[in-house]
């Protein structure tokens, strides 16, 4: 369904392709300090809500608050769990302060994860009884019960932030009938979305062009709104990148160069041009698809620009060879506008349609969020226990023999444990017939292991691999005295290099662990 990533959507490789166990082992003699980050403090605010009818987008405060709430929930349940446990231990706060202001320990995070889906879907059940003829509430319901919203919004992907900023910007966009239009606010949010993920310009191109064509004071719009906002945001981006890179770097141009001009994204997979229309778009809409098509015929002409934006975005992305479902996530809220109109005009079939949407998306959301491909998270929790249960942390070491970036990394381990995974950096030199480390490994795993670990001193204490590889490397496991110590379910749909389960092997020796690894 997608290129292997961690369940939380992080790129767990840490960004340094040269990281090896040898480097980590050399640093293990000294104290390794993990970077500490302060969590953002989120305060609960009471907001007065007035029931506004008539305009579906301009006054859609429900959808706005929903997306903000989801992002806060995302930070609570995902991002705070990346902070080292030593930081939490240094805080002297009550449990009430922990819950209200976001100081969540790993244990708190795990507990809240288990309660998230039941609470949210209980809220949807209550909404079913409150739904009237208000299109805004129906739009809110469509967005809230979308399985793909839950699939993406709980992951720390830049696509999630791009989507949230897009929806909030749309709240201030000068759409006909809107009372909340503000050119500076919406253009600032668009600029911020572009800085975070340059692909935001694709979705906003038709919207910006429409605004420019309908604006009577075009020169004023450019000189006093678009140019100042663009200059400020781009300058801030340049200064921040200058600090971190040590030189002037235009990240947005590098993004365009890598993915479009040089088309190196195909290294991570490619699909036919029609993939988004034949598979991607129908999949993310799911059971909302017939209501979306019905709503396209019923929606007023002033919202035709939203449909044009959806089609434009799909067409542009179709020109790129590398395709993923999450790339078109920002168009999903646009589609829910038309789904809301469809449900509004249903009369006798409205309640059955709502029940159908709720139940069908409930199953998909629960399965993809709690069951499908969960093994890569569970195994890292196991590794975390290995680290903390081992009094001599420097003697333990991990080697992940899986497709690169299959699991999270130190973000879930919270321990300076020597770890290594198979690398898959793209070829930036233009070599022909380039194979990354993961590809070389899977050509002949047994020979690769014997060649890489030529003596006992170089062997890691723990190996992690998918079940599909066990038979092929069984000779190496037996000769090196590895025993399977843990099994984790991963998916009901194994494919290619990904197996149904994840196996953890531990090297059993008499007495303590063997000598430290030397890479």
Protein backbone atom coordinates (compact mmCIF):
# COMPACT_ATOMS: atom_id res chain seq x y z
CA UNK A 1 0.00 0.00 0.00
CA UNK A 2 2.87 2.36 0.63
CA UNK A 3 6.63 2.40 0.88
CA UNK A 4 7.67 0.99 4.26
CA UNK A 5 7.80 3.69 6.90
CA UNK A 6 7.26 3.66 10.58
CA UNK A 7 3.72 3.47 11.87
CA UNK A 8 3.93 7.09 12.94
CA UNK A 9 5.14 8.20 9.56
CA UNK A 10 8.56 9.27 10.75
CA UNK A 11 11.65 8.84 8.64
CA UNK A 12 13.39 6.78 11.30
CA UNK A 13 16.78 6.69 9.68
CA UNK A 14 17.85 9.85 11.38
CA UNK A 15 18.89 11.47 8.11
CA UNK A 16 22.53 10.37 8.27
CA UNK A 17 23.27 7.68 5.72
CA UNK A 18 26.79 7.18 7.07
CA UNK A 19 25.64 6.07 10.50
CA UNK A 20 27.04 2.63 11.33
CA UNK A 21 27.43 0.50 14.39
CA UNK A 22 31.12 1.15 14.36
CA UNK A 23 30.60 4.84 14.84
CA UNK A 24 28.08 4.26 17.57
CA UNK A 25 30.30 1.75 19.27
CA UNK A 26 33.19 4.18 19.37
CA UNK A 27 30.99 6.73 21.05
CA UNK A 28 29.58 4.25 23.54
CA UNK A 29 32.62 4.68 25.81
CA UNK A 30 31.46 8.18 26.58
CA UNK A 31 28.09 9.40 27.67
CA UNK A 32 25.70 9.94 24.80
CA UNK A 33 23.17 12.68 25.39
CA UNK A 34 19.96 12.58 23.48
CA UNK A 35 18.58 15.90 22.33
CA UNK A 36 15.86 17.20 24.60
CA UNK A 37 12.87 19.02 23.27
CA UNK A 38 10.26 20.93 25.16
CA UNK A 39 6.74 20.04 24.24
CA UNK A 40 4.42 22.78 23.13
CA UNK A 41 1.97 23.80 25.82
CA UNK A 42 -1.58 23.56 24.69
CA UNK A 43 -4.16 25.34 26.74
CA UNK A 44 -7.83 24.45 26.71
CA UNK A 45 -9.99 27.40 25.68
CA UNK A 46 -13.74 27.77 25.84
CA UNK A 47 -15.13 29.03 22.59
CA UNK A 48 -18.58 30.33 21.94
CA UNK A 49 -20.14 28.55 19.03
CA UNK A 50 -23.07 29.95 17.08
CA UNK A 51 -24.98 27.85 14.63
CA UNK A 52 -24.34 29.34 11.22
CA UNK A 53 -26.29 28.16 8.23
CA UNK A 54 -26.17 28.91 4.56
CA UNK A 55 -22.45 29.22 3.75
CA UNK A 56 -20.67 25.90 3.87
CA UNK A 57 -17.03 26.96 3.66
CA UNK A 58 -16.60 30.58 4.65
CA UNK A 59 -18.27 30.05 8.01
CA UNK A 60 -17.16 26.45 8.54
CA UNK A 61 -15.88 26.91 12.05
CA UNK A 62 -16.66 23.24 12.78
CA UNK A 63 -14.16 21.94 10.27
CA UNK A 64 -11.59 24.52 11.35
CA UNK A 65 -11.84 23.56 15.01
CA UNK A 66 -11.81 19.88 14.09
CA UNK A 67 -8.54 20.11 12.19
CA UNK A 68 -6.89 22.15 14.94
CA UNK A 69 -8.09 19.66 17.54
CA UNK A 70 -6.72 16.76 15.52
CA UNK A 71 -3.35 18.44 15.22
CA UNK A 72 -3.22 19.06 18.96
CA UNK A 73 -4.21 15.44 19.52
CA UNK A 74 -1.44 14.43 17.14
CA UNK A 75 1.10 16.40 19.16
CA UNK A 76 -0.19 14.93 22.41
CA UNK A 77 -0.21 11.30 21.35
CA UNK A 78 2.74 11.17 18.98
CA UNK A 79 5.21 14.01 19.17
CA UNK A 80 5.47 14.19 22.95
CA UNK A 81 6.43 10.52 23.05
CA UNK A 82 9.67 11.35 21.21
CA UNK A 83 11.09 13.27 24.16
CA UNK A 84 13.63 11.33 26.29
CA UNK A 85 12.28 9.94 29.53
CA UNK A 86 15.02 11.73 31.50
CA UNK A 87 13.27 14.98 30.68
CA UNK A 88 9.99 13.86 32.20
CA UNK A 89 11.73 12.65 35.34
CA UNK A 90 13.11 16.14 35.91
CA UNK A 91 9.64 17.71 35.96
CA UNK A 92 7.73 18.12 39.19
CA UNK A 93 4.12 18.44 38.03
CA UNK A 94 0.85 16.84 39.01
CA UNK A 95 -1.02 14.42 36.82
CA UNK A 96 -3.62 17.11 36.09
CA UNK A 97 -0.92 19.44 34.79
CA UNK A 98 0.46 16.58 32.76
CA UNK A 99 -2.85 16.05 31.01
CA UNK A 100 -3.76 19.72 30.56
CA UNK A 101 -0.42 21.07 29.35
CA UNK A 102 1.00 18.21 27.35
CA UNK A 103 3.68 16.86 29.72
CA UNK A 104 2.97 13.23 28.82
CA UNK A 105 5.35 10.49 29.72
CA UNK A 106 5.71 7.45 27.52
CA UNK A 107 3.32 5.49 29.75
CA UNK A 108 0.72 8.26 29.64
CA UNK A 109 1.03 8.38 25.87
CA UNK A 110 0.49 4.65 25.48
CA UNK A 111 -2.59 4.76 27.70
CA UNK A 112 -4.08 7.68 25.84
CA UNK A 113 -3.47 5.96 22.51
CA UNK A 114 -5.67 3.08 23.60
CA UNK A 115 -8.52 5.43 24.56
CA UNK A 116 -8.33 7.78 21.58
CA UNK A 117 -10.39 5.89 19.03
CA UNK A 118 -13.24 4.84 21.38
CA UNK A 119 -13.67 8.41 22.66
CA UNK A 120 -13.61 10.01 19.24
CA UNK A 121 -16.01 7.54 17.72
CA UNK A 122 -18.31 7.93 20.71
CA UNK A 123 -18.38 11.62 19.81
CA UNK A 124 -19.34 10.72 16.24
CA UNK A 125 -22.20 8.64 17.62
CA UNK A 126 -23.50 11.66 19.51
CA UNK A 127 -23.19 13.82 16.40
CA UNK A 128 -25.44 11.36 14.54
CA UNK A 129 -28.26 12.30 16.92
CA UNK A 130 -27.63 16.04 16.56
CA UNK A 131 -27.44 16.18 12.78
CA UNK A 132 -30.18 18.24 11.25
CA UNK A 133 -30.40 19.89 7.87
CA UNK A 134 -27.24 21.90 8.43
CA UNK A 135 -24.71 21.18 5.68
CA UNK A 136 -21.87 22.32 7.92
CA UNK A 137 -22.55 19.57 10.43
CA UNK A 138 -22.77 16.99 7.66
CA UNK A 139 -19.46 18.18 6.24
CA UNK A 140 -17.96 17.93 9.70
CA UNK A 141 -19.30 14.39 10.01
CA UNK A 142 -17.86 13.36 6.64
CA UNK A 143 -14.41 14.63 7.53
CA UNK A 144 -14.50 13.20 11.02
CA UNK A 145 -15.45 9.67 10.01
CA UNK A 146 -13.06 9.44 7.04
CA UNK A 147 -10.76 6.47 7.59
CA UNK A 148 -7.90 8.14 5.74
CA UNK A 149 -8.11 11.17 8.00
CA UNK A 150 -7.41 8.91 10.97
CA UNK A 151 -4.77 7.03 9.02
CA UNK A 152 -2.73 10.16 8.20
CA UNK A 153 -3.61 12.70 10.86
CA UNK A 154 -2.13 10.61 13.69
CA UNK A 155 1.26 10.50 11.96
CA UNK A 156 3.94 13.17 12.07
CA UNK A 157 3.98 13.66 8.31
CA UNK A 158 4.51 17.01 6.62
CA UNK A 159 1.46 16.13 4.53
CA UNK A 160 -0.62 16.35 7.70
CA UNK A 161 0.57 19.86 8.51
CA UNK A 162 0.15 20.86 4.85
CA UNK A 163 -3.47 19.70 5.01
CA UNK A 164 -4.21 21.48 8.28
CA UNK A 165 -2.74 24.77 7.07
CA UNK A 166 -4.63 24.43 3.80
CA UNK A 167 -7.97 24.04 5.58
CA UNK A 168 -7.35 27.00 7.88
CA UNK A 169 -6.23 29.11 4.91
CA UNK A 170 -9.41 28.13 3.10
CA UNK A 171 -11.36 29.56 6.03
CA UNK A 172 -9.98 33.02 5.16
CA UNK A 173 -9.98 32.54 1.38
CA UNK A 174 -12.23 35.06 -0.45
CA UNK A 175 -14.80 32.55 -1.63
CA UNK A 176 -18.18 33.89 -2.70
CA UNK A 177 -20.50 34.21 0.27
CA UNK A 178 -17.75 34.04 2.85
CA UNK A 179 -17.69 36.55 5.71
CA UNK A 180 -14.23 35.59 6.98
CA UNK A 181 -12.11 36.56 3.97
CA UNK A 182 -8.70 38.00 4.73
CA UNK A 183 -6.01 38.07 2.03
CA UNK A 184 -3.09 38.55 4.41
CA UNK A 185 -4.09 35.73 6.74
CA UNK A 186 -4.81 33.16 4.08
CA UNK A 187 -1.73 34.04 1.99
CA UNK A 188 0.44 33.82 5.14
CA UNK A 189 -0.89 30.33 5.85
CA UNK A 190 -0.33 29.30 2.23
CA UNK A 191 3.23 30.63 2.38
CA UNK A 192 3.86 28.71 5.61
CA UNK A 193 2.47 25.53 4.05
CA UNK A 194 4.78 26.06 1.07
CA UNK A 195 7.80 26.50 3.35
CA UNK A 196 6.96 23.28 5.20
CA UNK A 197 6.18 21.33 2.05
CA UNK A 198 6.67 23.03 -1.35
CA UNK A 199 4.02 20.82 -2.97
CA UNK A 200 1.40 23.10 -1.37
CA UNK A 201 1.87 25.42 -4.35
CA UNK A 202 0.30 22.78 -6.61
CA UNK A 203 -3.02 22.77 -4.78
CA UNK A 204 -3.14 26.56 -4.31
CA UNK A 205 -2.25 27.54 -7.89
CA UNK A 206 -5.85 27.54 -9.23
CA UNK A 207 -7.15 29.18 -6.06
CA UNK A 208 -4.57 31.97 -6.19
CA UNK A 209 -5.16 32.46 -9.90
CA UNK A 210 -8.92 32.76 -9.34
CA UNK A 211 -8.40 35.30 -6.57
CA UNK A 212 -6.09 37.34 -8.79
CA UNK A 213 -8.54 37.32 -11.71
CA UNK A 214 -11.52 38.37 -9.60
CA UNK A 215 -9.66 41.00 -7.56
CA UNK A 216 -10.43 44.51 -8.91
CA UNK A 217 -7.24 45.97 -7.37
CA UNK A 218 -4.75 43.50 -8.73
CA UNK A 219 -1.65 45.65 -8.25
CA UNK A 220 -2.57 46.36 -4.65
CA UNK A 221 -3.11 42.65 -4.03
CA UNK A 222 0.36 41.80 -5.31
CA UNK A 223 2.32 44.71 -3.81
CA UNK A 224 0.63 44.92 -0.42
CA UNK A 225 -0.35 41.34 0.24
CA UNK A 226 1.37 38.60 -1.75
CA UNK A 227 4.87 40.08 -2.11
CA UNK A 228 5.34 41.16 1.56
CA UNK A 229 4.05 37.82 2.84
CA UNK A 230 6.21 35.87 0.43
CA UNK A 231 9.30 37.94 1.21
CA UNK A 232 8.95 37.57 4.98
CA UNK A 233 8.29 33.82 4.99
CA UNK A 234 11.00 33.03 2.45
CA UNK A 235 13.51 35.18 4.34
CA UNK A 236 12.74 33.38 7.59
CA UNK A 237 13.13 30.04 5.85
CA UNK A 238 16.49 31.07 4.39
CA UNK A 239 17.79 32.28 7.75
CA UNK A 240 16.73 29.14 9.56
CA UNK A 241 18.31 26.92 6.91
CA UNK A 242 21.45 29.09 6.99
CA UNK A 243 21.78 28.41 10.72
CA UNK A 244 21.33 24.64 10.43
CA UNK A 245 23.16 23.98 7.15
CA UNK A 246 25.97 26.44 7.78
CA UNK A 247 25.53 27.93 4.32
CA UNK A 248 22.85 29.64 2.28
CA UNK A 249 20.49 26.92 1.07
CA UNK A 250 17.17 27.23 -0.73
CA UNK A 251 15.52 24.03 0.42
CA UNK A 252 12.44 24.57 -1.73
CA UNK A 253 14.55 24.64 -4.89
CA UNK A 254 16.43 21.51 -3.82
CA UNK A 255 13.06 19.82 -3.27
CA UNK A 256 11.97 20.76 -6.79
CA UNK A 257 15.30 19.72 -8.26
CA UNK A 258 15.36 16.33 -6.58
CA UNK A 259 11.73 15.32 -7.16
CA UNK A 260 10.90 16.98 -10.48
CA UNK A 261 13.91 18.11 -12.47
CA UNK A 262 16.04 15.06 -11.71
CA UNK A 263 13.12 12.77 -10.86
CA UNK A 264 15.14 10.86 -8.27
CA UNK A 265 11.96 10.07 -6.35
CA UNK A 266 11.48 7.10 -8.71
CA UNK A 267 14.27 5.39 -6.78
CA UNK A 268 11.67 4.67 -4.10
CA UNK A 269 9.12 3.29 -6.56
CA UNK A 270 7.04 4.37 -9.54
CA UNK A 271 3.48 3.95 -10.75
CA UNK A 272 1.67 4.49 -14.07
CA UNK A 273 0.34 7.96 -14.83
CA UNK A 274 -3.28 7.01 -14.11
CA UNK A 275 -2.58 5.55 -10.65
CA UNK A 276 -4.10 8.45 -8.70
CA UNK A 277 -7.33 8.30 -10.72
CA UNK A 278 -7.61 4.51 -10.83
CA UNK A 279 -6.37 3.66 -7.32
CA UNK A 280 -5.06 6.52 -5.17
CA UNK A 281 -8.04 8.86 -5.16
CA UNK A 282 -10.75 6.15 -4.87
CA UNK A 283 -8.86 4.52 -2.01
CA UNK A 284 -8.48 7.64 0.14
CA UNK A 285 -12.13 8.56 -0.42
CA UNK A 286 -13.26 5.03 0.29
CA UNK A 287 -17.00 4.75 0.81
CA UNK A 288 -17.34 8.54 0.44
CA UNK A 289 -16.76 8.21 -3.31
CA UNK A 290 -20.42 7.84 -4.45
CA UNK A 291 -21.45 10.77 -2.24
CA UNK A 292 -18.61 12.87 -3.66
CA UNK A 293 -19.76 12.19 -7.23
CA UNK A 294 -23.37 12.94 -6.27
CA UNK A 295 -22.34 16.16 -4.53
CA UNK A 296 -20.42 17.39 -7.57
CA UNK A 297 -23.72 17.60 -9.44
CA UNK A 298 -25.53 19.37 -6.60
CA UNK A 299 -22.98 21.88 -5.30
CA UNK A 300 -23.45 25.55 -6.27
CA UNK A 301 -21.33 26.99 -9.06
CA UNK A 302 -19.34 29.14 -6.64
CA UNK A 303 -17.74 25.95 -5.29
CA UNK A 304 -16.77 24.71 -8.73
CA UNK A 305 -13.28 26.11 -8.09
CA UNK A 306 -12.84 23.46 -5.39
CA UNK A 307 -13.55 20.67 -7.85
CA UNK A 308 -11.15 22.27 -10.34
CA UNK A 309 -8.52 22.36 -7.59
CA UNK A 310 -8.97 18.65 -6.88
CA UNK A 311 -8.69 17.67 -10.53
CA UNK A 312 -5.73 19.99 -11.10
CA UNK A 313 -3.85 18.54 -8.13
CA UNK A 314 -4.45 14.97 -9.27
CA UNK A 315 -3.30 15.79 -12.81
CA UNK A 316 -0.08 17.46 -11.69
CA UNK A 317 0.80 14.67 -9.29
CA UNK A 318 0.05 12.15 -12.03
CA UNK A 319 2.94 13.58 -14.04
CA UNK A 320 5.40 12.50 -11.34
CA UNK A 321 6.52 8.87 -11.41
CA UNK A 322 6.77 8.37 -7.65
CA UNK A 323 3.28 8.28 -6.14
CA UNK A 324 1.93 7.74 -2.65
CA UNK A 325 -1.52 7.97 -1.10
CA UNK A 326 -0.46 10.60 1.40
CA UNK A 327 0.63 13.02 -1.33
CA UNK A 328 -3.00 13.79 -2.23
CA UNK A 329 -4.23 13.92 1.37
CA UNK A 330 -4.65 17.76 1.21
CA UNK A 331 -7.46 17.42 -1.38
CA UNK A 332 -9.54 15.22 0.92
CA UNK A 333 -11.22 18.11 2.83
CA UNK A 334 -12.18 19.68 -0.52
CA UNK A 335 -13.93 16.46 -1.46
CA UNK A 336 -15.81 16.39 1.83
CA UNK A 337 -17.49 19.65 0.86
CA UNK A 338 -19.28 17.84 -1.95
CA UNK A 339 -20.00 14.84 0.25
CA UNK A 340 -21.69 17.20 2.69
CA UNK A 341 -23.90 18.63 -0.05
CA UNK A 342 -24.83 15.13 -1.15
CA UNK A 343 -25.93 14.11 2.34
CA UNK A 344 -27.82 17.36 2.78
CA UNK A 345 -30.05 16.63 -0.20
CA UNK A 346 -30.75 13.06 0.84
CA UNK A 347 -34.11 12.78 2.58
CA UNK A 348 -35.45 9.30 3.23
CA UNK A 349 -32.01 7.73 2.77
CA UNK A 350 -30.07 10.17 4.95
CA UNK A 351 -29.91 8.10 8.14
CA UNK A 352 -29.00 4.84 6.34
CA UNK A 353 -26.31 6.74 4.41
CA UNK A 354 -24.85 8.19 7.62
CA UNK A 355 -24.84 4.79 9.27
CA UNK A 356 -23.19 3.25 6.23
CA UNK A 357 -20.43 5.88 6.18
CA UNK A 358 -19.84 5.59 9.89
CA UNK A 359 -19.67 1.81 10.09
CA UNK A 360 -17.61 1.29 6.93
CA UNK A 361 -15.04 3.91 7.90
CA UNK A 362 -14.99 2.74 11.50
CA UNK A 363 -13.76 -0.69 10.44
CA UNK A 364 -11.09 0.71 8.11
CA UNK A 365 -9.89 3.29 10.63
CA UNK A 366 -9.59 0.74 13.44
CA UNK A 367 -7.92 -1.86 11.26
CA UNK A 368 -5.35 0.46 9.62
CA UNK A 369 -4.74 2.33 12.87
CA UNK A 370 -4.52 -0.50 15.37
CA UNK A 371 -3.83 -3.73 13.47
CA UNK A 372 -2.29 -3.26 10.01
CA UNK A 373 1.53 -3.00 10.02
CA UNK A 374 1.75 -2.54 13.77
CA UNK A 375 4.68 -4.91 14.27
CA UNK A 376 7.31 -2.28 13.48
CA UNK A 377 6.13 -0.27 16.50
CA UNK A 378 5.78 -3.22 18.85
CA UNK A 379 9.28 -4.46 18.12
CA UNK A 380 10.80 -1.08 19.03
CA UNK A 381 8.99 -1.17 22.37
CA UNK A 382 10.63 -4.55 22.90
CA UNK A 383 14.05 -3.12 22.03
CA UNK A 384 13.49 -0.32 24.50
CA UNK A 385 12.94 -2.90 27.23
CA UNK A 386 16.11 -4.71 26.13
CA UNK A 387 18.05 -1.52 26.64
CA UNK A 388 16.67 -0.61 30.05
CA UNK A 389 16.72 -4.17 31.38
CA UNK A 390 20.38 -4.54 30.46
CA UNK A 391 22.63 -3.09 33.18
CA UNK A 392 25.53 -2.84 30.73
CA UNK A 393 23.93 -0.99 27.82
CA UNK A 394 27.15 -0.78 25.82
CA UNK A 395 27.24 -4.57 25.46
CA UNK A 396 23.91 -4.79 23.64
CA UNK A 397 23.57 -3.94 19.93
CA UNK A 398 20.83 -4.15 17.33
CA UNK A 399 20.89 -4.90 13.62
CA UNK A 400 17.63 -4.44 11.70
CA UNK A 401 17.59 -6.66 8.60
CA UNK A 402 14.49 -5.17 6.98
CA UNK A 403 13.73 -2.84 4.07
CA UNK A 404 15.21 0.52 5.02
CA UNK A 405 13.12 2.81 7.23
CA UNK A 406 10.74 -0.01 8.12
CA UNK A 407 10.83 0.84 11.82
CA UNK A 408 11.15 3.95 13.96
CA UNK A 409 14.59 4.53 15.37
CA UNK A 410 15.82 6.39 18.45
CA UNK A 411 12.56 8.35 18.58
CA UNK A 412 10.95 5.24 20.09
CA UNK A 413 13.89 3.69 21.93
CA UNK A 414 14.95 6.64 24.10
CA UNK A 415 18.25 4.96 24.86
CA UNK A 416 21.80 5.35 23.46
CA UNK A 417 21.81 1.79 22.18
CA UNK A 418 24.07 0.95 19.22
CA UNK A 419 21.73 0.23 16.31
CA UNK A 420 22.06 -0.21 12.58
CA UNK A 421 19.63 -0.75 9.70
CA UNK A 422 20.09 -1.47 6.01
CA UNK A 423 20.74 1.77 4.15
CA UNK A 424 18.96 2.88 0.97
CA UNK A 425 20.27 6.35 0.03
CA UNK A 426 19.47 7.43 -3.54
CA UNK A 427 22.34 7.62 -6.01
CA UNK A 428 23.29 11.28 -6.46
CA UNK A 429 26.30 10.57 -8.66
CA UNK A 430 24.50 9.22 -11.72
CA UNK A 431 25.96 5.72 -11.63
CA UNK A 432 24.34 3.12 -13.85
CA UNK A 433 22.90 -0.05 -12.29
CA UNK A 434 23.13 1.46 -8.80
CA UNK A 435 22.16 -0.81 -5.90
CA UNK A 436 21.82 0.40 -2.34
CA UNK A 437 22.83 -1.65 0.69
CA UNK A 438 19.34 -3.07 1.17
CA UNK A 439 19.16 -4.23 -2.45
CA UNK A 440 22.58 -5.88 -2.22
CA UNK A 441 21.54 -7.62 0.98
CA UNK A 442 18.34 -9.06 -0.48
CA UNK A 443 20.15 -10.40 -3.54
CA UNK A 444 21.79 -13.01 -1.32
CA UNK A 445 21.16 -12.46 2.41
CA UNK A 446 23.13 -15.47 3.59
CA UNK A 447 26.34 -14.57 1.74
CA UNK A 448 25.99 -10.93 2.77
CA UNK A 449 25.77 -11.87 6.45
CA UNK A 450 28.78 -14.18 6.32
CA UNK A 451 30.78 -11.50 4.52
CA UNK A 452 29.72 -8.63 6.79
CA UNK A 453 30.13 -10.49 10.09
CA UNK A 454 33.36 -12.34 9.44
CA UNK A 455 34.18 -13.01 13.12
CA UNK A 456 32.34 -13.35 16.44
CA UNK A 457 33.45 -9.96 17.65
CA UNK A 458 31.50 -8.20 14.90
CA UNK A 459 28.20 -9.98 15.59
CA UNK A 460 25.35 -7.91 17.07
CA UNK A 461 23.54 -9.23 20.11
CA UNK A 462 20.08 -8.88 18.53
CA UNK A 463 18.80 -9.31 14.98
CA UNK A 464 15.41 -8.08 13.77
CA UNK A 465 13.89 -9.36 10.55
CA UNK A 466 10.61 -10.21 8.85
CA UNK A 467 9.46 -13.81 9.09
CA UNK A 468 9.80 -14.24 5.33
CA UNK A 469 13.60 -14.16 5.65
CA UNK A 470 14.03 -16.78 8.38
CA UNK A 471 14.35 -19.85 6.17
CA UNK A 472 16.89 -18.22 3.89
CA UNK A 473 19.26 -17.18 6.71
CA UNK A 474 18.66 -20.17 9.00
CA UNK A 475 22.20 -21.51 8.43
CA UNK A 476 23.71 -18.23 9.65
CA UNK A 477 21.40 -18.11 12.68
CA UNK A 478 22.34 -21.64 13.73
CA UNK A 479 26.08 -21.22 13.19
CA UNK A 480 26.14 -17.94 15.11
CA UNK A 481 23.99 -19.33 17.94
CA UNK A 482 21.02 -16.98 17.49
CA UNK A 483 17.72 -17.97 19.12
CA UNK A 484 14.34 -16.48 18.40
CA UNK A 485 13.19 -14.68 21.54
CA UNK A 486 10.20 -12.63 20.38
CA UNK A 487 7.54 -12.65 17.66
CA UNK A 488 5.33 -9.70 16.71
CA UNK A 489 2.39 -9.67 14.34
CA UNK A 490 2.74 -7.15 11.51
CA UNK A 491 0.18 -7.56 8.73
CA UNK A 492 -2.37 -9.90 7.22
CA UNK A 493 -1.20 -8.83 3.76
CA UNK A 494 2.51 -9.69 3.42
CA UNK A 495 4.06 -8.52 0.19
CA UNK A 496 7.53 -8.78 -1.33
CA UNK A 497 10.18 -8.27 1.36
CA UNK A 498 7.57 -7.65 4.07
CA UNK A 499 6.40 -10.68 6.05
CA UNK A 500 3.36 -11.27 8.20
CA UNK A 501 5.39 -11.30 11.43
CA UNK A 502 8.59 -9.77 12.81
CA UNK A 503 11.13 -12.00 14.52
CA UNK A 504 13.69 -10.96 17.11
CA UNK A 505 16.78 -13.14 17.51
CA UNK A 506 19.18 -12.95 20.43
CA UNK A 507 22.69 -14.37 20.45
CA UNK A 508 22.92 -16.83 23.31
CA UNK A 509 26.35 -17.40 24.88
CA UNK A 510 27.57 -18.86 28.10
CA UNK A 511 27.77 -16.17 30.70
CA UNK A 512 27.47 -12.61 29.50
CA UNK A 513 27.16 -11.28 26.03
CA UNK A 514 30.03 -11.60 23.64
CA UNK A 515 32.60 -8.89 22.98
CA UNK A 516 31.44 -5.56 21.62
CA UNK A 517 30.76 -5.27 17.94
CA UNK A 518 33.39 -3.90 15.64
CA UNK A 519 32.16 -2.51 12.37
